[in-house]
Amino acid sequence: MKIAIGKLFEARGALEKIQSKDLPANISFRLAKNIKPITQVLETFEASRVALVKKYGIDENGVTRVAPDKIPQFKEEFDKLAAEEVEIEWQPISITDIADVKLSTFEASHLEPFITE
């Protein structure tokens, strides 16, 4: 599956919520196997985001934040990073496999690329 890193970031919370539930062993295994490469991509994404904050940041009392005058440059680079597409292996998870997991509409909307009907 080819997907933008930003889409993986948006889906992370809902995927973690599903992963934290008691599911049949075969579904849990498939989900864990699917989430592992996503976690690796998101760890690299986070390191890149932190590097961007440092690049455009200022230190205020030991906390680095993006300097107000650098926000447009930061946003431009961050948006390009989030739009970067990666190829991940994903074995489909059926909506019936996770039927007992309660998700908000917001969470469910981020799962569309990962769940089949």
PDB file of N, CA and C in Angstrom:
ATOM      1  N   MET A   1       0.847  -1.160   0.000  1.00  0.00           N
ATOM      2  CA  MET A   1       0.000   0.000   0.000  1.00  0.00           C
ATOM      3  C   MET A   1       0.901   1.234   0.000  1.00  0.00           C
ATOM      4  N   LYS A   2       0.603   2.160  -0.893  1.00  0.00           N
ATOM      5  CA  LYS A   2       1.318   3.420  -0.942  1.00  0.00           C
ATOM      6  C   LYS A   2       0.446   4.462  -0.250  1.00  0.00           C
ATOM      7  N   ILE A   3       1.035   5.183   0.706  1.00  0.00           N
ATOM      8  CA  ILE A   3       0.254   6.127   1.513  1.00  0.00           C
ATOM      9  C   ILE A   3       1.146   7.271   1.987  1.00  0.00           C
ATOM     10  N   ALA A   4       0.548   8.446   2.110  1.00  0.00           N
ATOM     11  CA  ALA A   4       1.270   9.612   2.608  1.00  0.00           C
ATOM     12  C   ALA A   4       1.561   9.432   4.098  1.00  0.00           C
ATOM     13  N   ILE A   5       2.728   9.893   4.514  1.00  0.00           N
ATOM     14  CA  ILE A   5       3.116   9.773   5.915  1.00  0.00           C
ATOM     15  C   ILE A   5       2.107  10.485   6.814  1.00  0.00           C
ATOM     16  N   GLY A   6       1.591  11.605   6.373  1.00  0.00           N
ATOM     17  CA  GLY A   6       0.604  12.338   7.159  1.00  0.00           C
ATOM     18  C   GLY A   6      -0.645  11.516   7.429  1.00  0.00           C
ATOM     19  N   LYS A   7      -1.053  10.701   6.454  1.00  0.00           N
ATOM     20  CA  LYS A   7      -2.222   9.829   6.648  1.00  0.00           C
ATOM     21  C   LYS A   7      -1.924   8.764   7.698  1.00  0.00           C
ATOM     22  N   LEU A   8      -0.701   8.257   7.710  1.00  0.00           N
ATOM     23  CA  LEU A   8      -0.311   7.287   8.738  1.00  0.00           C
ATOM     24  C   LEU A   8      -0.354   7.946  10.117  1.00  0.00           C
ATOM     25  N   PHE A   9       0.144   9.178  10.187  1.00  0.00           N
ATOM     26  CA  PHE A   9       0.144   9.907  11.451  1.00  0.00           C
ATOM     27  C   PHE A   9      -1.276  10.120  11.959  1.00  0.00           C
ATOM     28  N   GLU A  10      -2.186  10.483  11.067  1.00  0.00           N
ATOM     29  CA  GLU A  10      -3.581  10.711  11.446  1.00  0.00           C
ATOM     30  C   GLU A  10      -4.252   9.428  11.940  1.00  0.00           C
ATOM     31  N   ALA A  11      -3.886   8.295  11.369  1.00  0.00           N
ATOM     32  CA  ALA A  11      -4.515   7.017  11.718  1.00  0.00           C
ATOM     33  C   ALA A  11      -3.909   6.375  12.957  1.00  0.00           C
ATOM     34  N   ARG A  12      -2.767   6.848  13.378  1.00  0.00           N
ATOM     35  CA  ARG A  12      -2.034   6.197  14.470  1.00  0.00           C
ATOM     36  C   ARG A  12      -2.879   5.994  15.729  1.00  0.00           C
ATOM     37  N   GLY A  13      -3.569   7.011  16.176  1.00  0.00           N
ATOM     38  CA  GLY A  13      -4.346   6.906  17.415  1.00  0.00           C
ATOM     39  C   GLY A  13      -5.428   5.845  17.334  1.00  0.00           C
ATOM     40  N   ALA A  14      -6.155   5.827  16.214  1.00  0.00           N
ATOM     41  CA  ALA A  14      -7.221   4.839  16.045  1.00  0.00           C
ATOM     42  C   ALA A  14      -6.636   3.431  15.932  1.00  0.00           C
ATOM     43  N   LEU A  15      -5.516   3.286  15.238  1.00  0.00           N
ATOM     44  CA  LEU A  15      -4.887   1.969  15.125  1.00  0.00           C
ATOM     45  C   LEU A  15      -4.404   1.483  16.491  1.00  0.00           C
ATOM     46  N   GLU A  16      -3.842   2.397  17.281  1.00  0.00           N
ATOM     47  CA  GLU A  16      -3.398   2.020  18.625  1.00  0.00           C
ATOM     48  C   GLU A  16      -4.586   1.634  19.504  1.00  0.00           C
ATOM     49  N   LYS A  17      -5.705   2.316  19.340  1.00  0.00           N
ATOM     50  CA  LYS A  17      -6.904   1.993  20.114  1.00  0.00           C
ATOM     51  C   LYS A  17      -7.379   0.579  19.773  1.00  0.00           C
ATOM     52  N   ILE A  18      -7.401   0.253  18.496  1.00  0.00           N
ATOM     53  CA  ILE A  18      -7.803  -1.094  18.066  1.00  0.00           C
ATOM     54  C   ILE A  18      -6.818  -2.118  18.609  1.00  0.00           C
ATOM     55  N   GLN A  19      -5.534  -1.805  18.514  1.00  0.00           N
ATOM     56  CA  GLN A  19      -4.494  -2.731  18.952  1.00  0.00           C
ATOM     57  C   GLN A  19      -4.580  -3.002  20.454  1.00  0.00           C
ATOM     58  N   SER A  20      -5.090  -2.065  21.220  1.00  0.00           N
ATOM     59  CA  SER A  20      -5.155  -2.234  22.672  1.00  0.00           C
ATOM     60  C   SER A  20      -6.325  -3.110  23.123  1.00  0.00           C
ATOM     61  N   LYS A  21      -7.214  -3.461  22.208  1.00  0.00           N
ATOM     62  CA  LYS A  21      -8.389  -4.262  22.559  1.00  0.00           C
ATOM     63  C   LYS A  21      -8.082  -5.751  22.456  1.00  0.00           C
ATOM     64  N   ASP A  22      -8.832  -6.542  23.224  1.00  0.00           N
ATOM     65  CA  ASP A  22      -8.722  -7.997  23.112  1.00  0.00           C
ATOM     66  C   ASP A  22      -9.442  -8.435  21.850  1.00  0.00           C
ATOM     67  N   LEU A  23      -8.680  -8.980  20.928  1.00  0.00           N
ATOM     68  CA  LEU A  23      -9.218  -9.467  19.655  1.00  0.00           C
ATOM     69  C   LEU A  23      -8.809 -10.921  19.487  1.00  0.00           C
ATOM     70  N   PRO A  24      -9.470 -11.642  18.592  1.00  0.00           N
ATOM     71  CA  PRO A  24      -9.025 -13.008  18.321  1.00  0.00           C
ATOM     72  C   PRO A  24      -7.537 -13.017  17.937  1.00  0.00           C
ATOM     73  N   ALA A  25      -6.848 -14.070  18.286  1.00  0.00           N
ATOM     74  CA  ALA A  25      -5.399 -14.153  18.105  1.00  0.00           C
ATOM     75  C   ALA A  25      -4.970 -13.884  16.669  1.00  0.00           C
ATOM     76  N   ASN A  26      -5.685 -14.422  15.696  1.00  0.00           N
ATOM     77  CA  ASN A  26      -5.269 -14.223  14.305  1.00  0.00           C
ATOM     78  C   ASN A  26      -5.397 -12.755  13.884  1.00  0.00           C
ATOM     79  N   ILE A  27      -6.416 -12.068  14.388  1.00  0.00           N
ATOM     80  CA  ILE A  27      -6.607 -10.655  14.065  1.00  0.00           C
ATOM     81  C   ILE A  27      -5.541  -9.820  14.781  1.00  0.00           C
ATOM     82  N   SER A  28      -5.275 -10.141  16.041  1.00  0.00           N
ATOM     83  CA  SER A  28      -4.236  -9.431  16.800  1.00  0.00           C
ATOM     84  C   SER A  28      -2.875  -9.583  16.131  1.00  0.00           C
ATOM     85  N   PHE A  29      -2.570 -10.786  15.681  1.00  0.00           N
ATOM     86  CA  PHE A  29      -1.290 -11.032  15.008  1.00  0.00           C
ATOM     87  C   PHE A  29      -1.192 -10.213  13.730  1.00  0.00           C
ATOM     88  N   ARG A  30      -2.240 -10.251  12.912  1.00  0.00           N
ATOM     89  CA  ARG A  30      -2.236  -9.511  11.646  1.00  0.00           C
ATOM     90  C   ARG A  30      -2.098  -8.015  11.903  1.00  0.00           C
ATOM     91  N   LEU A  31      -2.800  -7.521  12.893  1.00  0.00           N
ATOM     92  CA  LEU A  31      -2.737  -6.100  13.226  1.00  0.00           C
ATOM     93  C   LEU A  31      -1.334  -5.715  13.706  1.00  0.00           C
ATOM     94  N   ALA A  32      -0.753  -6.527  14.586  1.00  0.00           N
ATOM     95  CA  ALA A  32       0.603  -6.247  15.080  1.00  0.00           C
ATOM     96  C   ALA A  32       1.609  -6.245  13.934  1.00  0.00           C
ATOM     97  N   LYS A  33       1.464  -7.198  13.038  1.00  0.00           N
ATOM     98  CA  LYS A  33       2.362  -7.291  11.885  1.00  0.00           C
ATOM     99  C   LYS A  33       2.200  -6.073  10.976  1.00  0.00           C
ATOM    100  N   ASN A  34       0.977  -5.603  10.838  1.00  0.00           N
ATOM    101  CA  ASN A  34       0.706  -4.423  10.015  1.00  0.00           C
ATOM    102  C   ASN A  34       1.247  -3.144  10.652  1.00  0.00           C
ATOM    103  N   ILE A  35       1.115  -3.022  11.958  1.00  0.00           N
ATOM    104  CA  ILE A  35       1.458  -1.783  12.639  1.00  0.00           C
ATOM    105  C   ILE A  35       2.964  -1.590  12.783  1.00  0.00           C
ATOM    106  N   LYS A  36       3.720  -2.668  12.808  1.00  0.00           N
ATOM    107  CA  LYS A  36       5.167  -2.567  13.001  1.00  0.00           C
ATOM    108  C   LYS A  36       5.834  -1.639  11.973  1.00  0.00           C
ATOM    109  N   PRO A  37       5.615  -1.804  10.663  1.00  0.00           N
ATOM    110  CA  PRO A  37       6.269  -0.888   9.716  1.00  0.00           C
ATOM    111  C   PRO A  37       5.739   0.546   9.817  1.00  0.00           C
ATOM    112  N   ILE A  38       4.483   0.696  10.208  1.00  0.00           N
ATOM    113  CA  ILE A  38       3.921   2.036  10.390  1.00  0.00           C
ATOM    114  C   ILE A  38       4.645   2.742  11.532  1.00  0.00           C
ATOM    115  N   THR A  39       4.883   2.025  12.610  1.00  0.00           N
ATOM    116  CA  THR A  39       5.590   2.587  13.759  1.00  0.00           C
ATOM    117  C   THR A  39       6.987   3.043  13.352  1.00  0.00           C
ATOM    118  N   GLN A  40       7.672   2.238  12.548  1.00  0.00           N
ATOM    119  CA  GLN A  40       9.018   2.599  12.101  1.00  0.00           C
ATOM    120  C   GLN A  40       8.996   3.876  11.262  1.00  0.00           C
ATOM    121  N   VAL A  41       8.040   3.983  10.356  1.00  0.00           N
ATOM    122  CA  VAL A  41       7.918   5.186   9.522  1.00  0.00           C
ATOM    123  C   VAL A  41       7.630   6.396  10.400  1.00  0.00           C
ATOM    124  N   LEU A  42       6.718   6.240  11.355  1.00  0.00           N
ATOM    125  CA  LEU A  42       6.344   7.371  12.203  1.00  0.00           C
ATOM    126  C   LEU A  42       7.459   7.795  13.154  1.00  0.00           C
ATOM    127  N   GLU A  43       8.311   6.871  13.560  1.00  0.00           N
ATOM    128  CA  GLU A  43       9.467   7.243  14.378  1.00  0.00           C
ATOM    129  C   GLU A  43      10.424   8.110  13.571  1.00  0.00           C
ATOM    130  N   THR A  44      10.642   7.748  12.309  1.00  0.00           N
ATOM    131  CA  THR A  44      11.495   8.541  11.428  1.00  0.00           C
ATOM    132  C   THR A  44      10.859   9.896  11.139  1.00  0.00           C
ATOM    133  N   PHE A  45       9.541   9.904  10.926  1.00  0.00           N
ATOM    134  CA  PHE A  45       8.794  11.140  10.700  1.00  0.00           C
ATOM    135  C   PHE A  45       8.961  12.078  11.898  1.00  0.00           C
ATOM    136  N   GLU A  46       8.820  11.542  13.111  1.00  0.00           N
ATOM    137  CA  GLU A  46       8.940  12.354  14.317  1.00  0.00           C
ATOM    138  C   GLU A  46      10.345  12.935  14.446  1.00  0.00           C
ATOM    139  N   ALA A  47      11.366  12.136  14.144  1.00  0.00           N
ATOM    140  CA  ALA A  47      12.742  12.641  14.196  1.00  0.00           C
ATOM    141  C   ALA A  47      12.935  13.773  13.184  1.00  0.00           C
ATOM    142  N   SER A  48      12.340  13.641  12.017  1.00  0.00           N
ATOM    143  CA  SER A  48      12.430  14.691  10.996  1.00  0.00           C
ATOM    144  C   SER A  48      11.675  15.944  11.437  1.00  0.00           C
ATOM    145  N   ARG A  49      10.537  15.761  12.083  1.00  0.00           N
ATOM    146  CA  ARG A  49       9.764  16.901  12.575  1.00  0.00           C
ATOM    147  C   ARG A  49      10.550  17.658  13.647  1.00  0.00           C
ATOM    148  N   VAL A  50      11.163  16.919  14.555  1.00  0.00           N
ATOM    149  CA  VAL A  50      11.969  17.537  15.606  1.00  0.00           C
ATOM    150  C   VAL A  50      13.136  18.310  14.989  1.00  0.00           C
ATOM    151  N   ALA A  51      13.764  17.736  13.972  1.00  0.00           N
ATOM    152  CA  ALA A  51      14.865  18.420  13.292  1.00  0.00           C
ATOM    153  C   ALA A  51      14.380  19.721  12.646  1.00  0.00           C
ATOM    154  N   LEU A  52      13.178  19.703  12.088  1.00  0.00           N
ATOM    155  CA  LEU A  52      12.612  20.927  11.510  1.00  0.00           C
ATOM    156  C   LEU A  52      12.352  21.985  12.584  1.00  0.00           C
ATOM    157  N   VAL A  53      11.832  21.560  13.719  1.00  0.00           N
ATOM    158  CA  VAL A  53      11.592  22.504  14.815  1.00  0.00           C
ATOM    159  C   VAL A  53      12.919  23.133  15.247  1.00  0.00           C
ATOM    160  N   LYS A  54      13.959  22.329  15.345  1.00  0.00           N
ATOM    161  CA  LYS A  54      15.271  22.861  15.719  1.00  0.00           C
ATOM    162  C   LYS A  54      15.800  23.818  14.653  1.00  0.00           C
ATOM    163  N   LYS A  55      15.601  23.460  13.386  1.00  0.00           N
ATOM    164  CA  LYS A  55      16.080  24.280  12.272  1.00  0.00           C
ATOM    165  C   LYS A  55      15.431  25.669  12.294  1.00  0.00           C
ATOM    166  N   TYR A  56      14.143  25.708  12.550  1.00  0.00           N
ATOM    167  CA  TYR A  56      13.403  26.970  12.508  1.00  0.00           C
ATOM    168  C   TYR A  56      13.054  27.493  13.900  1.00  0.00           C
ATOM    169  N   GLY A  57      13.610  26.867  14.910  1.00  0.00           N
ATOM    170  CA  GLY A  57      13.197  27.171  16.271  1.00  0.00           C
ATOM    171  C   GLY A  57      14.059  28.160  17.006  1.00  0.00           C
ATOM    172  N   ILE A  58      13.501  28.571  18.103  1.00  0.00           N
ATOM    173  CA  ILE A  58      14.210  29.395  19.075  1.00  0.00           C
ATOM    174  C   ILE A  58      14.025  28.728  20.435  1.00  0.00           C
ATOM    175  N   ASP A  59      14.993  28.919  21.287  1.00  0.00           N
ATOM    176  CA  ASP A  59      14.933  28.340  22.630  1.00  0.00           C
ATOM    177  C   ASP A  59      14.337  29.362  23.576  1.00  0.00           C
ATOM    178  N   GLU A  60      13.293  28.952  24.264  1.00  0.00           N
ATOM    179  CA  GLU A  60      12.676  29.805  25.279  1.00  0.00           C
ATOM    180  C   GLU A  60      12.608  29.025  26.583  1.00  0.00           C
ATOM    181  N   ASN A  61      13.501  29.362  27.481  1.00  0.00           N
ATOM    182  CA  ASN A  61      13.543  28.707  28.792  1.00  0.00           C
ATOM    183  C   ASN A  61      13.682  27.195  28.672  1.00  0.00           C
ATOM    184  N   GLY A  62      14.540  26.746  27.781  1.00  0.00           N
ATOM    185  CA  GLY A  62      14.792  25.321  27.625  1.00  0.00           C
ATOM    186  C   GLY A  62      13.810  24.594  26.733  1.00  0.00           C
ATOM    187  N   VAL A  63      12.846  25.315  26.165  1.00  0.00           N
ATOM    188  CA  VAL A  63      11.861  24.709  25.261  1.00  0.00           C
ATOM    189  C   VAL A  63      12.068  25.300  23.872  1.00  0.00           C
ATOM    190  N   THR A  64      12.245  24.449  22.892  1.00  0.00           N
ATOM    191  CA  THR A  64      12.414  24.919  21.523  1.00  0.00           C
ATOM    192  C   THR A  64      11.069  24.946  20.835  1.00  0.00           C
ATOM    193  N   ARG A  65      10.766  26.062  20.212  1.00  0.00           N
ATOM    194  CA  ARG A  65       9.538  26.180  19.438  1.00  0.00           C
ATOM    195  C   ARG A  65       9.871  26.937  18.162  1.00  0.00           C
ATOM    196  N   VAL A  66       9.021  26.796  17.172  1.00  0.00           N
ATOM    197  CA  VAL A  66       9.244  27.456  15.896  1.00  0.00           C
ATOM    198  C   VAL A  66       9.108  28.966  16.096  1.00  0.00           C
ATOM    199  N   ALA A  67      10.086  29.685  15.604  1.00  0.00           N
ATOM    200  CA  ALA A  67      10.060  31.143  15.702  1.00  0.00           C
ATOM    201  C   ALA A  67       8.891  31.677  14.874  1.00  0.00           C
ATOM    202  N   PRO A  68       8.160  32.643  15.403  1.00  0.00           N
ATOM    203  CA  PRO A  68       6.994  33.164  14.676  1.00  0.00           C
ATOM    204  C   PRO A  68       7.284  33.589  13.241  1.00  0.00           C
ATOM    205  N   ASP A  69       8.438  34.216  13.016  1.00  0.00           N
ATOM    206  CA  ASP A  69       8.763  34.663  11.659  1.00  0.00           C
ATOM    207  C   ASP A  69       9.193  33.512  10.740  1.00  0.00           C
ATOM    208  N   LYS A  70       9.398  32.335  11.313  1.00  0.00           N
ATOM    209  CA  LYS A  70       9.827  31.165  10.520  1.00  0.00           C
ATOM    210  C   LYS A  70       8.690  30.166  10.287  1.00  0.00           C
ATOM    211  N   ILE A  71       7.509  30.458  10.815  1.00  0.00           N
ATOM    212  CA  ILE A  71       6.385  29.519  10.685  1.00  0.00           C
ATOM    213  C   ILE A  71       6.062  29.191   9.224  1.00  0.00           C
ATOM    214  N   PRO A  72       6.021  30.164   8.306  1.00  0.00           N
ATOM    215  CA  PRO A  72       5.714  29.802   6.914  1.00  0.00           C
ATOM    216  C   PRO A  72       6.719  28.810   6.311  1.00  0.00           C
ATOM    217  N   GLN A  73       8.022  29.025   6.582  1.00  0.00           N
ATOM    218  CA  GLN A  73       9.028  28.093   6.059  1.00  0.00           C
ATOM    219  C   GLN A  73       8.895  26.716   6.703  1.00  0.00           C
ATOM    220  N   PHE A  74       8.672  26.707   8.020  1.00  0.00           N
ATOM    221  CA  PHE A  74       8.479  25.442   8.727  1.00  0.00           C
ATOM    222  C   PHE A  74       7.280  24.698   8.159  1.00  0.00           C
ATOM    223  N   LYS A  75       6.160  25.400   8.015  1.00  0.00           N
ATOM    224  CA  LYS A  75       4.935  24.771   7.515  1.00  0.00           C
ATOM    225  C   LYS A  75       5.135  24.206   6.121  1.00  0.00           C
ATOM    226  N   GLU A  76       5.819  24.939   5.270  1.00  0.00           N
ATOM    227  CA  GLU A  76       6.063  24.465   3.902  1.00  0.00           C
ATOM    228  C   GLU A  76       6.860  23.158   3.912  1.00  0.00           C
ATOM    229  N   GLU A  77       7.932  23.130   4.692  1.00  0.00           N
ATOM    230  CA  GLU A  77       8.749  21.908   4.755  1.00  0.00           C
ATOM    231  C   GLU A  77       8.003  20.768   5.443  1.00  0.00           C
ATOM    232  N   PHE A  78       7.267  21.087   6.504  1.00  0.00           N
ATOM    233  CA  PHE A  78       6.517  20.058   7.218  1.00  0.00           C
ATOM    234  C   PHE A  78       5.442  19.459   6.313  1.00  0.00           C
ATOM    235  N   ASP A  79       4.730  20.292   5.572  1.00  0.00           N
ATOM    236  CA  ASP A  79       3.690  19.804   4.669  1.00  0.00           C
ATOM    237  C   ASP A  79       4.270  18.889   3.591  1.00  0.00           C
ATOM    238  N   LYS A  80       5.448  19.242   3.091  1.00  0.00           N
ATOM    239  CA  LYS A  80       6.117  18.377   2.096  1.00  0.00           C
ATOM    240  C   LYS A  80       6.484  17.028   2.728  1.00  0.00           C
ATOM    241  N   LEU A  81       6.968  17.080   3.954  1.00  0.00           N
ATOM    242  CA  LEU A  81       7.318  15.848   4.671  1.00  0.00           C
ATOM    243  C   LEU A  81       6.089  14.980   4.878  1.00  0.00           C
ATOM    244  N   ALA A  82       4.994  15.570   5.333  1.00  0.00           N
ATOM    245  CA  ALA A  82       3.757  14.815   5.595  1.00  0.00           C
ATOM    246  C   ALA A  82       3.152  14.252   4.311  1.00  0.00           C
ATOM    247  N   ALA A  83       3.384  14.927   3.187  1.00  0.00           N
ATOM    248  CA  ALA A  83       2.836  14.462   1.909  1.00  0.00           C
ATOM    249  C   ALA A  83       3.686  13.364   1.269  1.00  0.00           C
ATOM    250  N   GLU A  84       4.884  13.170   1.785  1.00  0.00           N
ATOM    251  CA  GLU A  84       5.783  12.143   1.246  1.00  0.00           C
ATOM    252  C   GLU A  84       5.102  10.779   1.332  1.00  0.00           C
ATOM    253  N   GLU A  85       5.121  10.047   0.245  1.00  0.00           N
ATOM    254  CA  GLU A  85       4.476   8.736   0.231  1.00  0.00           C
ATOM    255  C   GLU A  85       5.483   7.635   0.518  1.00  0.00           C
ATOM    256  N   VAL A  86       5.024   6.659   1.262  1.00  0.00           N
ATOM    257  CA  VAL A  86       5.831   5.488   1.582  1.00  0.00           C
ATOM    258  C   VAL A  86       5.048   4.245   1.188  1.00  0.00           C
ATOM    259  N   GLU A  87       5.774   3.198   0.940  1.00  0.00           N
ATOM    260  CA  GLU A  87       5.168   1.907   0.608  1.00  0.00           C
ATOM    261  C   GLU A  87       5.232   1.038   1.852  1.00  0.00           C
ATOM    262  N   ILE A  88       4.060   0.600   2.319  1.00  0.00           N
ATOM    263  CA  ILE A  88       4.027  -0.308   3.460  1.00  0.00           C
ATOM    264  C   ILE A  88       3.247  -1.553   3.070  1.00  0.00           C
ATOM    265  N   GLU A  89       3.625  -2.664   3.689  1.00  0.00           N
ATOM    266  CA  GLU A  89       2.874  -3.896   3.469  1.00  0.00           C
ATOM    267  C   GLU A  89       1.715  -3.903   4.453  1.00  0.00           C
ATOM    268  N   TRP A  90       0.516  -4.104   3.948  1.00  0.00           N
ATOM    269  CA  TRP A  90      -0.678  -4.091   4.800  1.00  0.00           C
ATOM    270  C   TRP A  90      -1.596  -5.225   4.409  1.00  0.00           C
ATOM    271  N   GLN A  91      -1.851  -6.113   5.343  1.00  0.00           N
ATOM    272  CA  GLN A  91      -2.839  -7.170   5.131  1.00  0.00           C
ATOM    273  C   GLN A  91      -4.171  -6.625   5.611  1.00  0.00           C
ATOM    274  N   PRO A  92      -5.189  -6.649   4.768  1.00  0.00           N
ATOM    275  CA  PRO A  92      -6.469  -6.029   5.117  1.00  0.00           C
ATOM    276  C   PRO A  92      -7.073  -6.560   6.415  1.00  0.00           C
ATOM    277  N   ILE A  93      -7.687  -5.625   7.129  1.00  0.00           N
ATOM    278  CA  ILE A  93      -8.457  -5.929   8.328  1.00  0.00           C
ATOM    279  C   ILE A  93      -9.907  -5.611   7.976  1.00  0.00           C
ATOM    280  N   SER A  94     -10.783  -6.547   8.226  1.00  0.00           N
ATOM    281  CA  SER A  94     -12.201  -6.345   7.917  1.00  0.00           C
ATOM    282  C   SER A  94     -12.887  -5.601   9.047  1.00  0.00           C
ATOM    283  N   ILE A  95     -13.872  -4.805   8.691  1.00  0.00           N
ATOM    284  CA  ILE A  95     -14.649  -4.100   9.701  1.00  0.00           C
ATOM    285  C   ILE A  95     -15.307  -5.096  10.659  1.00  0.00           C
ATOM    286  N   THR A  96     -15.643  -6.267  10.174  1.00  0.00           N
ATOM    287  CA  THR A  96     -16.239  -7.286  11.049  1.00  0.00           C
ATOM    288  C   THR A  96     -15.209  -7.830  12.048  1.00  0.00           C
ATOM    289  N   ASP A  97     -13.918  -7.783  11.693  1.00  0.00           N
ATOM    290  CA  ASP A  97     -12.860  -8.236  12.602  1.00  0.00           C
ATOM    291  C   ASP A  97     -12.757  -7.344  13.834  1.00  0.00           C
ATOM    292  N   ILE A  98     -13.132  -6.091  13.677  1.00  0.00           N
ATOM    293  CA  ILE A  98     -12.998  -5.138  14.789  1.00  0.00           C
ATOM    294  C   ILE A  98     -14.359  -4.581  15.205  1.00  0.00           C
ATOM    295  N   ALA A  99     -15.409  -5.312  14.921  1.00  0.00           N
ATOM    296  CA  ALA A  99     -16.773  -4.839  15.169  1.00  0.00           C
ATOM    297  C   ALA A  99     -17.025  -4.470  16.630  1.00  0.00           C
ATOM    298  N   ASP A 100     -16.327  -5.107  17.567  1.00  0.00           N
ATOM    299  CA  ASP A 100     -16.552  -4.839  18.982  1.00  0.00           C
ATOM    300  C   ASP A 100     -15.756  -3.641  19.510  1.00  0.00           C
ATOM    301  N   VAL A 101     -14.910  -3.063  18.664  1.00  0.00           N
ATOM    302  CA  VAL A 101     -14.104  -1.918  19.073  1.00  0.00           C
ATOM    303  C   VAL A 101     -14.908  -0.645  18.840  1.00  0.00           C
ATOM    304  N   LYS A 102     -15.050   0.141  19.872  1.00  0.00           N
ATOM    305  CA  LYS A 102     -15.796   1.393  19.761  1.00  0.00           C
ATOM    306  C   LYS A 102     -14.864   2.501  19.286  1.00  0.00           C
ATOM    307  N   LEU A 103     -15.239   3.127  18.163  1.00  0.00           N
ATOM    308  CA  LEU A 103     -14.453   4.210  17.581  1.00  0.00           C
ATOM    309  C   LEU A 103     -15.350   5.412  17.345  1.00  0.00           C
ATOM    310  N   SER A 104     -14.801   6.581  17.518  1.00  0.00           N
ATOM    311  CA  SER A 104     -15.551   7.788  17.177  1.00  0.00           C
ATOM    312  C   SER A 104     -15.586   7.914  15.651  1.00  0.00           C
ATOM    313  N   THR A 105     -16.470   8.743  15.172  1.00  0.00           N
ATOM    314  CA  THR A 105     -16.533   9.004  13.732  1.00  0.00           C
ATOM    315  C   THR A 105     -15.206   9.571  13.253  1.00  0.00           C
ATOM    316  N   PHE A 106     -14.615  10.430  14.059  1.00  0.00           N
ATOM    317  CA  PHE A 106     -13.318  11.024  13.735  1.00  0.00           C
ATOM    318  C   PHE A 106     -12.250   9.943  13.582  1.00  0.00           C
ATOM    319  N   GLU A 107     -12.189   9.021  14.544  1.00  0.00           N
ATOM    320  CA  GLU A 107     -11.205   7.934  14.475  1.00  0.00           C
ATOM    321  C   GLU A 107     -11.455   7.055  13.266  1.00  0.00           C
ATOM    322  N   ALA A 108     -12.702   6.695  13.055  1.00  0.00           N
ATOM    323  CA  ALA A 108     -13.049   5.820  11.933  1.00  0.00           C
ATOM    324  C   ALA A 108     -12.698   6.457  10.594  1.00  0.00           C
ATOM    325  N   SER A 109     -12.848   7.769  10.497  1.00  0.00           N
ATOM    326  CA  SER A 109     -12.555   8.446   9.224  1.00  0.00           C
ATOM    327  C   SER A 109     -11.089   8.304   8.828  1.00  0.00           C
ATOM    328  N   HIS A 110     -10.200   8.165   9.800  1.00  0.00           N
ATOM    329  CA  HIS A 110      -8.773   8.020   9.504  1.00  0.00           C
ATOM    330  C   HIS A 110      -8.380   6.580   9.171  1.00  0.00           C
ATOM    331  N   LEU A 111      -9.305   5.650   9.361  1.00  0.00           N
ATOM    332  CA  LEU A 111      -9.003   4.233   9.125  1.00  0.00           C
ATOM    333  C   LEU A 111      -9.384   3.740   7.740  1.00  0.00           C
ATOM    334  N   GLU A 112     -10.019   4.587   6.981  1.00  0.00           N
ATOM    335  CA  GLU A 112     -10.537   4.169   5.674  1.00  0.00           C
ATOM    336  C   GLU A 112      -9.536   3.400   4.812  1.00  0.00           C
ATOM    337  N   PRO A 113      -8.272   3.840   4.714  1.00  0.00           N
ATOM    338  CA  PRO A 113      -7.332   3.090   3.864  1.00  0.00           C
ATOM    339  C   PRO A 113      -6.963   1.706   4.417  1.00  0.00           C
ATOM    340  N   PHE A 114      -7.251   1.468   5.687  1.00  0.00           N
ATOM    341  CA  PHE A 114      -6.765   0.258   6.356  1.00  0.00           C
ATOM    342  C   PHE A 114      -7.811  -0.815   6.598  1.00  0.00           C
ATOM    343  N   ILE A 115      -9.074  -0.457   6.482  1.00  0.00           N
ATOM    344  CA  ILE A 115     -10.161  -1.357   6.828  1.00  0.00           C
ATOM    345  C   ILE A 115     -11.009  -1.640   5.599  1.00  0.00           C
ATOM    346  N   THR A 116     -11.386  -2.914   5.440  1.00  0.00           N
ATOM    347  CA  THR A 116     -12.290  -3.291   4.356  1.00  0.00           C
ATOM    348  C   THR A 116     -13.650  -3.629   4.940  1.00  0.00           C
ATOM    349  N   GLU A 117     -14.656  -3.561   4.109  1.00  0.00           N
ATOM    350  CA  GLU A 117     -16.021  -3.885   4.586  1.00  0.00           C
ATOM    351  C   GLU A 117     -16.315  -5.350   4.478  1.00  0.00           C
TER     352      GLU A 117
END
